[in-house]
C-alpha atoms as a PDB file:
ATOM      1  CA  UNK A   1       4.023 -17.634   0.677  1.00  0.00           C
ATOM      2  CA  UNK A   2       1.568 -15.029   1.629  1.00  0.00           C
ATOM      3  CA  UNK A   3      -1.574 -16.342   3.466  1.00  0.00           C
ATOM      4  CA  UNK A   4      -3.481 -13.482   2.257  1.00  0.00           C
ATOM      5  CA  UNK A   5      -6.726 -14.483  -0.148  1.00  0.00           C
ATOM      6  CA  UNK A   6      -5.987 -14.104  -3.838  1.00  0.00           C
ATOM      7  CA  UNK A   7      -7.804 -11.401  -5.678  1.00  0.00           C
ATOM      8  CA  UNK A   8     -10.793 -12.675  -7.897  1.00  0.00           C
ATOM      9  CA  UNK A   9     -11.117 -11.265 -11.265  1.00  0.00           C
ATOM     10  CA  UNK A  10     -14.627 -13.199 -12.066  1.00  0.00           C
ATOM     11  CA  UNK A  11     -17.805 -11.665 -12.691  1.00  0.00           C
ATOM     12  CA  UNK A  12     -19.344 -11.073  -8.915  1.00  0.00           C
ATOM     13  CA  UNK A  13     -20.293  -7.454  -8.207  1.00  0.00           C
ATOM     14  CA  UNK A  14     -20.738  -6.262  -4.498  1.00  0.00           C
ATOM     15  CA  UNK A  15     -22.879  -3.089  -4.254  1.00  0.00           C
ATOM     16  CA  UNK A  16     -24.236  -1.246  -1.050  1.00  0.00           C
ATOM     17  CA  UNK A  17     -27.675  -1.144  -0.063  1.00  0.00           C
ATOM     18  CA  UNK A  18     -29.855   0.995   2.332  1.00  0.00           C
ATOM     19  CA  UNK A  19     -31.966  -2.152   3.300  1.00  0.00           C
ATOM     20  CA  UNK A  20     -30.190  -5.549   4.971  1.00  0.00           C
ATOM     21  CA  UNK A  21     -29.931  -8.687   2.238  1.00  0.00           C
ATOM     22  CA  UNK A  22     -31.082 -11.852   2.879  1.00  0.00           C
ATOM     23  CA  UNK A  23     -28.318 -13.991   5.176  1.00  0.00           C
ATOM     24  CA  UNK A  24     -28.712 -16.564   2.334  1.00  0.00           C
ATOM     25  CA  UNK A  25     -29.084 -15.924  -1.357  1.00  0.00           C
ATOM     26  CA  UNK A  26     -29.674 -18.741  -4.208  1.00  0.00           C
ATOM     27  CA  UNK A  27     -26.576 -16.970  -6.206  1.00  0.00           C
ATOM     28  CA  UNK A  28     -24.415 -13.832  -5.970  1.00  0.00           C
ATOM     29  CA  UNK A  29     -24.758 -10.929  -8.278  1.00  0.00           C
ATOM     30  CA  UNK A  30     -23.263 -11.665 -11.758  1.00  0.00           C
ATOM     31  CA  UNK A  31     -21.665  -8.452 -13.156  1.00  0.00           C
ATOM     32  CA  UNK A  32     -22.997  -7.735 -16.740  1.00  0.00           C
ATOM     33  CA  UNK A  33     -25.770 -10.538 -16.779  1.00  0.00           C
ATOM     34  CA  UNK A  34     -29.060  -9.047 -17.922  1.00  0.00           C
ATOM     35  CA  UNK A  35     -30.784  -8.521 -14.766  1.00  0.00           C
ATOM     36  CA  UNK A  36     -34.650  -8.669 -13.898  1.00  0.00           C
ATOM     37  CA  UNK A  37     -35.330  -6.771 -10.410  1.00  0.00           C
ATOM     38  CA  UNK A  38     -38.845  -7.452  -9.348  1.00  0.00           C
ATOM     39  CA  UNK A  39     -40.551  -5.381  -6.850  1.00  0.00           C
ATOM     40  CA  UNK A  40     -43.440  -7.493  -4.956  1.00  0.00           C
ATOM     41  CA  UNK A  41     -45.254  -8.095  -2.007  1.00  0.00           C
ATOM     42  CA  UNK A  42     -44.830 -11.727  -2.747  1.00  0.00           C
ATOM     43  CA  UNK A  43     -41.062 -12.737  -3.605  1.00  0.00           C
ATOM     44  CA  UNK A  44     -41.651 -16.582  -2.657  1.00  0.00           C
ATOM     45  CA  UNK A  45     -43.564 -16.418  -5.880  1.00  0.00           C
ATOM     46  CA  UNK A  46     -40.086 -15.914  -8.097  1.00  0.00           C
ATOM     47  CA  UNK A  47     -38.819 -17.694 -10.161  1.00  0.00           C
ATOM     48  CA  UNK A  48     -41.811 -19.639 -10.559  1.00  0.00           C
ATOM     49  CA  UNK A  49     -42.020 -20.727 -13.932  1.00  0.00           C
ATOM     50  CA  UNK A  50     -38.712 -18.820 -14.786  1.00  0.00           C
ATOM     51  CA  UNK A  51     -36.791 -21.152 -12.852  1.00  0.00           C
ATOM     52  CA  UNK A  52     -37.810 -24.111 -15.715  1.00  0.00           C
ATOM     53  CA  UNK A  53     -36.868 -25.271 -18.722  1.00  0.00           C
ATOM     54  CA  UNK A  54     -34.765 -22.762 -20.782  1.00  0.00           C
ATOM     55  CA  UNK A  55     -35.002 -19.737 -18.993  1.00  0.00           C
ATOM     56  CA  UNK A  56     -34.371 -21.799 -15.579  1.00  0.00           C
ATOM     57  CA  UNK A  57     -31.297 -23.424 -17.253  1.00  0.00           C
ATOM     58  CA  UNK A  58     -30.064 -20.103 -18.446  1.00  0.00           C
ATOM     59  CA  UNK A  59     -30.600 -18.283 -14.972  1.00  0.00           C
ATOM     60  CA  UNK A  60     -28.553 -21.379 -13.596  1.00  0.00           C
ATOM     61  CA  UNK A  61     -25.856 -20.884 -16.164  1.00  0.00           C
ATOM     62  CA  UNK A  62     -25.765 -17.109 -15.171  1.00  0.00           C
ATOM     63  CA  UNK A  63     -26.965 -15.606 -18.811  1.00  0.00           C
ATOM     64  CA  UNK A  64     -29.719 -13.544 -16.613  1.00  0.00           C
ATOM     65  CA  UNK A  65     -30.179 -12.978 -13.018  1.00  0.00           C
ATOM     66  CA  UNK A  66     -32.955 -12.007 -10.793  1.00  0.00           C
ATOM     67  CA  UNK A  67     -33.579 -10.372  -7.973  1.00  0.00           C
ATOM     68  CA  UNK A  68     -36.552 -10.152  -5.937  1.00  0.00           C
ATOM     69  CA  UNK A  69     -37.169  -6.493  -3.592  1.00  0.00           C
ATOM     70  CA  UNK A  70     -40.111  -7.102  -0.816  1.00  0.00           C
ATOM     71  CA  UNK A  71     -42.143  -4.390  -0.987  1.00  0.00           C
ATOM     72  CA  UNK A  72     -43.303  -5.097   2.636  1.00  0.00           C
ATOM     73  CA  UNK A  73     -39.714  -4.389   4.190  1.00  0.00           C
ATOM     74  CA  UNK A  74     -40.136  -0.920   3.172  1.00  0.00           C
ATOM     75  CA  UNK A  75     -43.932  -0.575   4.508  1.00  0.00           C
ATOM     76  CA  UNK A  76     -44.796   2.189   7.358  1.00  0.00           C
ATOM     77  CA  UNK A  77     -44.795   1.432  11.196  1.00  0.00           C
ATOM     78  CA  UNK A  78     -44.845  -1.886  13.395  1.00  0.00           C
ATOM     79  CA  UNK A  79     -47.004  -3.643  10.765  1.00  0.00           C
ATOM     80  CA  UNK A  80     -45.111  -2.551   7.796  1.00  0.00           C
ATOM     81  CA  UNK A  81     -48.446  -1.054   6.202  1.00  0.00           C
ATOM     82  CA  UNK A  82     -47.873  -0.635   2.375  1.00  0.00           C
ATOM     83  CA  UNK A  83     -51.294   0.606   1.242  1.00  0.00           C
ATOM     84  CA  UNK A  84     -54.023   2.866   2.298  1.00  0.00           C
ATOM     85  CA  UNK A  85     -57.754   3.951   1.159  1.00  0.00           C
ATOM     86  CA  UNK A  86     -58.087   5.706  -1.968  1.00  0.00           C
ATOM     87  CA  UNK A  87     -58.420   9.529  -1.997  1.00  0.00           C
ATOM     88  CA  UNK A  88     -61.953  10.482  -2.848  1.00  0.00           C
ATOM     89  CA  UNK A  89     -63.249   7.198  -1.528  1.00  0.00           C
ATOM     90  CA  UNK A  90     -64.063   3.756  -3.170  1.00  0.00           C
ATOM     91  CA  UNK A  91     -63.259   0.268  -2.904  1.00  0.00           C
ATOM     92  CA  UNK A  92     -60.229  -1.720  -2.132  1.00  0.00           C
ATOM     93  CA  UNK A  93     -56.734  -0.148  -1.096  1.00  0.00           C
ATOM     94  CA  UNK A  94     -53.928   1.478  -3.042  1.00  0.00           C
ATOM     95  CA  UNK A  95     -50.098   1.270  -2.724  1.00  0.00           C
ATOM     96  CA  UNK A  96     -48.727   3.994  -1.049  1.00  0.00           C
ATOM     97  CA  UNK A  97     -46.296   6.299  -2.859  1.00  0.00           C
ATOM     98  CA  UNK A  98     -43.729   6.777   0.050  1.00  0.00           C
ATOM     99  CA  UNK A  99     -43.584   3.209   0.465  1.00  0.00           C
ATOM    100  CA  UNK A 100     -43.301   2.295  -3.349  1.00  0.00           C
ATOM    101  CA  UNK A 101     -40.478   4.909  -3.854  1.00  0.00           C
ATOM    102  CA  UNK A 102     -38.439   3.583  -1.029  1.00  0.00           C
ATOM    103  CA  UNK A 103     -38.124  -0.152  -2.728  1.00  0.00           C
ATOM    104  CA  UNK A 104     -37.756   1.661  -6.305  1.00  0.00           C
ATOM    105  CA  UNK A 105     -34.617   3.920  -4.925  1.00  0.00           C
ATOM    106  CA  UNK A 106     -33.304   0.349  -3.569  1.00  0.00           C
ATOM    107  CA  UNK A 107     -33.817  -1.358  -6.899  1.00  0.00           C
ATOM    108  CA  UNK A 108     -32.003   1.514  -8.748  1.00  0.00           C
ATOM    109  CA  UNK A 109     -28.938   1.208  -6.950  1.00  0.00           C
ATOM    110  CA  UNK A 110     -26.258   0.219  -9.539  1.00  0.00           C
ATOM    111  CA  UNK A 111     -28.459   0.663 -12.544  1.00  0.00           C
ATOM    112  CA  UNK A 112     -28.317   3.215 -15.186  1.00  0.00           C
ATOM    113  CA  UNK A 113     -30.948   6.183 -14.972  1.00  0.00           C
ATOM    114  CA  UNK A 114     -31.473   6.155 -18.817  1.00  0.00           C
ATOM    115  CA  UNK A 115     -34.660   4.335 -19.424  1.00  0.00           C
ATOM    116  CA  UNK A 116     -33.459   2.659 -22.490  1.00  0.00           C
ATOM    117  CA  UNK A 117     -30.459   0.977 -20.873  1.00  0.00           C
ATOM    118  CA  UNK A 118     -32.918   0.107 -17.754  1.00  0.00           C
ATOM    119  CA  UNK A 119     -36.702   0.363 -18.355  1.00  0.00           C
ATOM    120  CA  UNK A 120     -38.813   0.363 -15.206  1.00  0.00           C
ATOM    121  CA  UNK A 121     -42.039  -1.225 -15.810  1.00  0.00           C
ATOM    122  CA  UNK A 122     -45.386  -1.569 -13.855  1.00  0.00           C
ATOM    123  CA  UNK A 123     -47.716  -4.426 -14.954  1.00  0.00           C
ATOM    124  CA  UNK A 124     -51.294  -3.003 -15.303  1.00  0.00           C
ATOM    125  CA  UNK A 125     -54.203  -3.561 -17.216  1.00  0.00           C
ATOM    126  CA  UNK A 126     -54.444  -0.227 -18.304  1.00  0.00           C
ATOM    127  CA  UNK A 127     -51.030  -0.282 -19.959  1.00  0.00           C
ATOM    128  CA  UNK A 128     -49.758  -1.018 -23.514  1.00  0.00           C
ATOM    129  CA  UNK A 129     -50.422  -4.706 -24.572  1.00  0.00           C
ATOM    130  CA  UNK A 130     -47.126  -6.254 -24.127  1.00  0.00           C
ATOM    131  CA  UNK A 131     -45.826  -7.130 -27.763  1.00  0.00           C
ATOM    132  CA  UNK A 132     -42.759  -9.174 -29.144  1.00  0.00           C
ATOM    133  CA  UNK A 133     -41.161  -5.751 -30.268  1.00  0.00           C
ATOM    134  CA  UNK A 134     -41.404  -4.700 -26.726  1.00  0.00           C
ATOM    135  CA  UNK A 135     -39.689  -7.734 -25.561  1.00  0.00           C
ATOM    136  CA  UNK A 136     -37.204  -7.323 -28.079  1.00  0.00           C
ATOM    137  CA  UNK A 137     -36.657  -3.707 -26.822  1.00  0.00           C
ATOM    138  CA  UNK A 138     -36.165  -5.058 -23.347  1.00  0.00           C
ATOM    139  CA  UNK A 139     -33.591  -7.826 -24.102  1.00  0.00           C
ATOM    140  CA  UNK A 140     -31.558  -5.064 -25.620  1.00  0.00           C
ATOM    141  CA  UNK A 141     -31.219  -3.317 -22.169  1.00  0.00           C
ATOM    142  CA  UNK A 142     -28.728  -4.024 -19.635  1.00  0.00           C
ATOM    143  CA  UNK A 143     -32.145  -5.229 -17.480  1.00  0.00           C
ATOM    144  CA  UNK A 144     -35.272  -3.963 -15.816  1.00  0.00           C
ATOM    145  CA  UNK A 145     -37.082  -3.377 -12.847  1.00  0.00           C
ATOM    146  CA  UNK A 146     -40.602  -4.492 -12.728  1.00  0.00           C
ATOM    147  CA  UNK A 147     -43.112  -3.361 -10.092  1.00  0.00           C
ATOM    148  CA  UNK A 148     -46.123  -6.077  -9.178  1.00  0.00           C
ATOM    149  CA  UNK A 149     -49.242  -4.124  -8.419  1.00  0.00           C
ATOM    150  CA  UNK A 150     -51.813  -5.414  -5.958  1.00  0.00           C
ATOM    151  CA  UNK A 151     -55.133  -4.047  -4.744  1.00  0.00           C
ATOM    152  CA  UNK A 152     -56.469  -1.123  -6.533  1.00  0.00           C
ATOM    153  CA  UNK A 153     -52.915  -0.345  -7.991  1.00  0.00           C
ATOM    154  CA  UNK A 154     -50.326   2.190  -7.008  1.00  0.00           C
ATOM    155  CA  UNK A 155     -50.458   5.835  -6.272  1.00  0.00           C
ATOM    156  CA  UNK A 156     -50.206   7.766  -9.492  1.00  0.00           C
ATOM    157  CA  UNK A 157     -47.474  10.074  -8.308  1.00  0.00           C
ATOM    158  CA  UNK A 158     -45.215   7.382  -8.299  1.00  0.00           C
ATOM    159  CA  UNK A 159     -45.780   6.264 -11.566  1.00  0.00           C
ATOM    160  CA  UNK A 160     -44.874   9.968 -12.745  1.00  0.00           C
ATOM    161  CA  UNK A 161     -42.063  10.686 -10.736  1.00  0.00           C
ATOM    162  CA  UNK A 162     -39.887   7.458 -11.366  1.00  0.00           C
ATOM    163  CA  UNK A 163     -41.319   7.638 -15.393  1.00  0.00           C
ATOM    164  CA  UNK A 164     -42.512   4.073 -15.294  1.00  0.00           C
ATOM    165  CA  UNK A 165     -43.621   2.479 -18.253  1.00  0.00           C
ATOM    166  CA  UNK A 166     -46.980   0.529 -17.726  1.00  0.00           C
ATOM    167  CA  UNK A 167     -47.390  -2.850 -19.454  1.00  0.00           C
ATOM    168  CA  UNK A 168     -50.457  -5.019 -19.910  1.00  0.00           C
ATOM    169  CA  UNK A 169     -50.700  -8.869 -20.558  1.00  0.00           C
ATOM    170  CA  UNK A 170     -54.205  -8.299 -22.195  1.00  0.00           C
ATOM    171  CA  UNK A 171     -57.787  -6.924 -21.396  1.00  0.00           C
ATOM    172  CA  UNK A 172     -58.277  -8.792 -18.206  1.00  0.00           C
ATOM    173  CA  UNK A 173     -57.848  -8.128 -14.654  1.00  0.00           C
ATOM    174  CA  UNK A 174     -55.979 -10.567 -12.387  1.00  0.00           C
ATOM    175  CA  UNK A 175     -55.140 -10.259  -8.592  1.00  0.00           C
ATOM    176  CA  UNK A 176     -51.686  -8.889  -8.923  1.00  0.00           C
ATOM    177  CA  UNK A 177     -48.777  -8.442 -11.297  1.00  0.00           C
ATOM    178  CA  UNK A 178     -46.644 -11.192 -10.526  1.00  0.00           C
ATOM    179  CA  UNK A 179     -48.198 -13.393 -13.097  1.00  0.00           C
ATOM    180  CA  UNK A 180     -47.964 -10.894 -15.983  1.00  0.00           C
ATOM    181  CA  UNK A 181     -44.332  -9.815 -14.879  1.00  0.00           C
ATOM    182  CA  UNK A 182     -43.299 -13.859 -15.196  1.00  0.00           C
ATOM    183  CA  UNK A 183     -44.630 -13.657 -18.545  1.00  0.00           C
ATOM    184  CA  UNK A 184     -43.196 -10.486 -19.928  1.00  0.00           C
ATOM    185  CA  UNK A 185     -39.984 -11.920 -18.468  1.00  0.00           C
ATOM    186  CA  UNK A 186     -40.016 -15.159 -20.113  1.00  0.00           C
ATOM    187  CA  UNK A 187     -40.790 -13.557 -23.460  1.00  0.00           C
ATOM    188  CA  UNK A 188     -37.916 -11.023 -22.692  1.00  0.00           C
ATOM    189  CA  UNK A 189     -35.116 -13.526 -21.326  1.00  0.00           C
ATOM    190  CA  UNK A 190     -35.902 -15.992 -24.166  1.00  0.00           C
ATOM    191  CA  UNK A 191     -34.415 -13.294 -26.915  1.00  0.00           C
ATOM    192  CA  UNK A 192     -31.001 -12.896 -24.855  1.00  0.00           C
ATOM    193  CA  UNK A 193     -28.097 -14.455 -26.672  1.00  0.00           C
ATOM    194  CA  UNK A 194     -27.385 -18.246 -25.928  1.00  0.00           C
ATOM    195  CA  UNK A 195     -30.699 -18.595 -24.003  1.00  0.00           C
ATOM    196  CA  UNK A 196     -32.478 -20.557 -27.048  1.00  0.00           C
ATOM    197  CA  UNK A 197     -29.589 -22.060 -28.453  1.00  0.00           C
ATOM    198  CA  UNK A 198     -30.727 -21.864 -31.748  1.00  0.00           C
ATOM    199  CA  UNK A 199     -31.147 -18.070 -32.749  1.00  0.00           C
ATOM    200  CA  UNK A 200     -33.259 -18.747 -35.634  1.00  0.00           C
ATOM    201  CA  UNK A 201     -36.001 -20.164 -33.664  1.00  0.00           C
ATOM    202  CA  UNK A 202     -36.790 -16.851 -32.298  1.00  0.00           C
ATOM    203  CA  UNK A 203     -36.688 -15.344 -35.941  1.00  0.00           C
ATOM    204  CA  UNK A 204     -39.237 -17.734 -37.039  1.00  0.00           C
ATOM    205  CA  UNK A 205     -41.848 -17.556 -34.645  1.00  0.00           C
ATOM    206  CA  UNK A 206     -45.044 -15.636 -34.363  1.00  0.00           C
ATOM    207  CA  UNK A 207     -45.167 -11.894 -34.234  1.00  0.00           C
ATOM    208  CA  UNK A 208     -41.479 -11.826 -34.968  1.00  0.00           C
ATOM    209  CA  UNK A 209     -41.989 -10.726 -38.804  1.00  0.00           C
ATOM    210  CA  UNK A 210     -45.697  -9.192 -37.875  1.00  0.00           C
ATOM    211  CA  UNK A 211     -47.498 -12.595 -38.721  1.00  0.00           C
ATOM    212  CA  UNK A 212     -48.563 -15.644 -36.463  1.00  0.00           C
ATOM    213  CA  UNK A 213     -46.614 -18.877 -37.248  1.00  0.00           C
ATOM    214  CA  UNK A 214     -47.200 -21.278 -39.856  1.00  0.00           C
ATOM    215  CA  UNK A 215     -48.166 -24.631 -38.611  1.00  0.00           C
ATOM    216  CA  UNK A 216     -45.567 -27.137 -37.433  1.00  0.00           C
ATOM    217  CA  UNK A 217     -45.308 -30.923 -38.201  1.00  0.00           C
ATOM    218  CA  UNK A 218     -43.011 -33.781 -36.806  1.00  0.00           C
ATOM    219  CA  UNK A 219     -42.840 -37.578 -36.958  1.00  0.00           C
ATOM    220  CA  UNK A 220     -44.919 -39.652 -37.793  1.00  0.00           C
ATOM    221  CA  UNK A 221     -45.406 -39.062 -40.982  1.00  0.00           C
ATOM    222  CA  UNK A 222     -48.926 -40.033 -40.974  1.00  0.00           C
ATOM    223  CA  UNK A 223     -51.115 -39.932 -37.907  1.00  0.00           C
ATOM    224  CA  UNK A 224     -54.904 -40.913 -37.637  1.00  0.00           C
ATOM    225  CA  UNK A 225     -55.079 -40.529 -41.322  1.00  0.00           C
ATOM    226  CA  UNK A 226     -53.713 -37.055 -41.331  1.00  0.00           C
ATOM    227  CA  UNK A 227     -50.696 -36.729 -43.469  1.00  0.00           C
ATOM    228  CA  UNK A 228     -47.444 -34.188 -43.029  1.00  0.00           C
ATOM    229  CA  UNK A 229     -48.058 -31.699 -46.146  1.00  0.00           C
ATOM    230  CA  UNK A 230     -45.980 -33.088 -48.977  1.00  0.00           C
ATOM    231  CA  UNK A 231     -44.061 -30.125 -49.326  1.00  0.00           C
ATOM    232  CA  UNK A 232     -42.413 -29.990 -45.997  1.00  0.00           C
ATOM    233  CA  UNK A 233     -40.952 -33.771 -46.805  1.00  0.00           C
ATOM    234  CA  UNK A 234     -39.823 -32.404 -50.406  1.00  0.00           C
ATOM    235  CA  UNK A 235     -36.601 -31.162 -49.500  1.00  0.00           C
ATOM    236  CA  UNK A 236     -37.183 -28.030 -51.973  1.00  0.00           C
ATOM    237  CA  UNK A 237     -36.206 -25.417 -49.135  1.00  0.00           C
ATOM    238  CA  UNK A 238     -37.586 -22.548 -51.344  1.00  0.00           C
ATOM    239  CA  UNK A 239     -41.199 -24.174 -51.897  1.00  0.00           C
ATOM    240  CA  UNK A 240     -40.981 -24.911 -48.227  1.00  0.00           C
ATOM    241  CA  UNK A 241     -40.151 -21.123 -47.345  1.00  0.00           C
ATOM    242  CA  UNK A 242     -42.794 -19.959 -49.636  1.00  0.00           C
ATOM    243  CA  UNK A 243     -45.484 -22.667 -47.991  1.00  0.00           C
ATOM    244  CA  UNK A 244     -44.630 -21.000 -44.782  1.00  0.00           C
ATOM    245  CA  UNK A 245     -44.950 -17.472 -45.750  1.00  0.00           C
ATOM    246  CA  UNK A 246     -48.531 -18.384 -47.171  1.00  0.00           C
ATOM    247  CA  UNK A 247     -49.764 -20.083 -44.120  1.00  0.00           C
ATOM    248  CA  UNK A 248     -48.240 -17.578 -41.938  1.00  0.00           C
ATOM    249  CA  UNK A 249     -50.259 -14.707 -43.933  1.00  0.00           C
ATOM    250  CA  UNK A 250     -53.291 -17.106 -44.408  1.00  0.00           C
ATOM    251  CA  UNK A 251     -53.735 -17.810 -40.314  1.00  0.00           C
ATOM    252  CA  UNK A 252     -53.165 -14.182 -39.723  1.00  0.00           C
ATOM    253  CA  UNK A 253     -55.963 -13.343 -41.723  1.00  0.00           C
ATOM    254  CA  UNK A 254     -58.202 -15.609 -40.594  1.00  0.00           C
ATOM    255  CA  UNK A 255     -57.446 -15.073 -36.907  1.00  0.00           C
ATOM    256  CA  UNK A 256     -55.959 -11.556 -36.317  1.00  0.00           C
ATOM    257  CA  UNK A 257     -57.556  -9.198 -38.904  1.00  0.00           C
ATOM    258  CA  UNK A 258     -56.195  -6.445 -36.666  1.00  0.00           C
ATOM    259  CA  UNK A 259     -52.290  -7.837 -37.233  1.00  0.00           C
ATOM    260  CA  UNK A 260     -52.912  -8.633 -40.764  1.00  0.00           C
ATOM    261  CA  UNK A 261     -53.923  -4.927 -41.675  1.00  0.00           C
ATOM    262  CA  UNK A 262     -50.909  -3.418 -39.830  1.00  0.00           C
ATOM    263  CA  UNK A 263     -49.016  -6.029 -41.615  1.00  0.00           C
ATOM    264  CA  UNK A 264     -50.102  -5.132 -45.007  1.00  0.00           C
ATOM    265  CA  UNK A 265     -49.856  -1.294 -44.337  1.00  0.00           C
ATOM    266  CA  UNK A 266     -45.942  -1.798 -43.352  1.00  0.00           C
END
């Protein structure tokens, strides 16, 4: 009998890189798994909340994988500088195009060049607001690369060169892109097949059909004098569906008139 090891035909994938990988990784690359590659100055911030609950279980089960790329490793000089003062003057610092490009080049090894198959996103308060439709689009790709900004942002030239899509979590400013990145990835990963367990859950949520979600109730049937609406305990599925639709419309009309106008126009 030969002492040579048997070939493996599993999902492990090996790829070359110009930068040395960490000696210890939490788990090997999984071929064909949806992958989020995060370019960040704070890799220890991940997986963060993504390692908990359903997304964390899906990560452990190999339904998706997470790779953090430490931007500092690609910095200039002995101190690995990643930023410089803004051209034209002003407060703060700006991430350098040459430094960020080296990290993005490392991130795109083995990934499709087609942005539909592999979006590259920069978390930015000036980007398009994140929507459920965007999360759905990302979930249908093979994976995505997310650049987390810091300081005053990143040199505009690298955004143009790499056709980077700017995405915002809302009309406010945070100290960095790590928190928005986790929120966006959570919204995306939960749409991957097998993550939620019940695919109907995603179809009935807020924004999935253009409306905010209807109210939800569970036992006890009466709590502090408040009862569950009779229709929900009637067993009449048609009336329940109608009630939920009407309540979704009512809540959307009252709370988000912008969404209501868009819903009516479609």
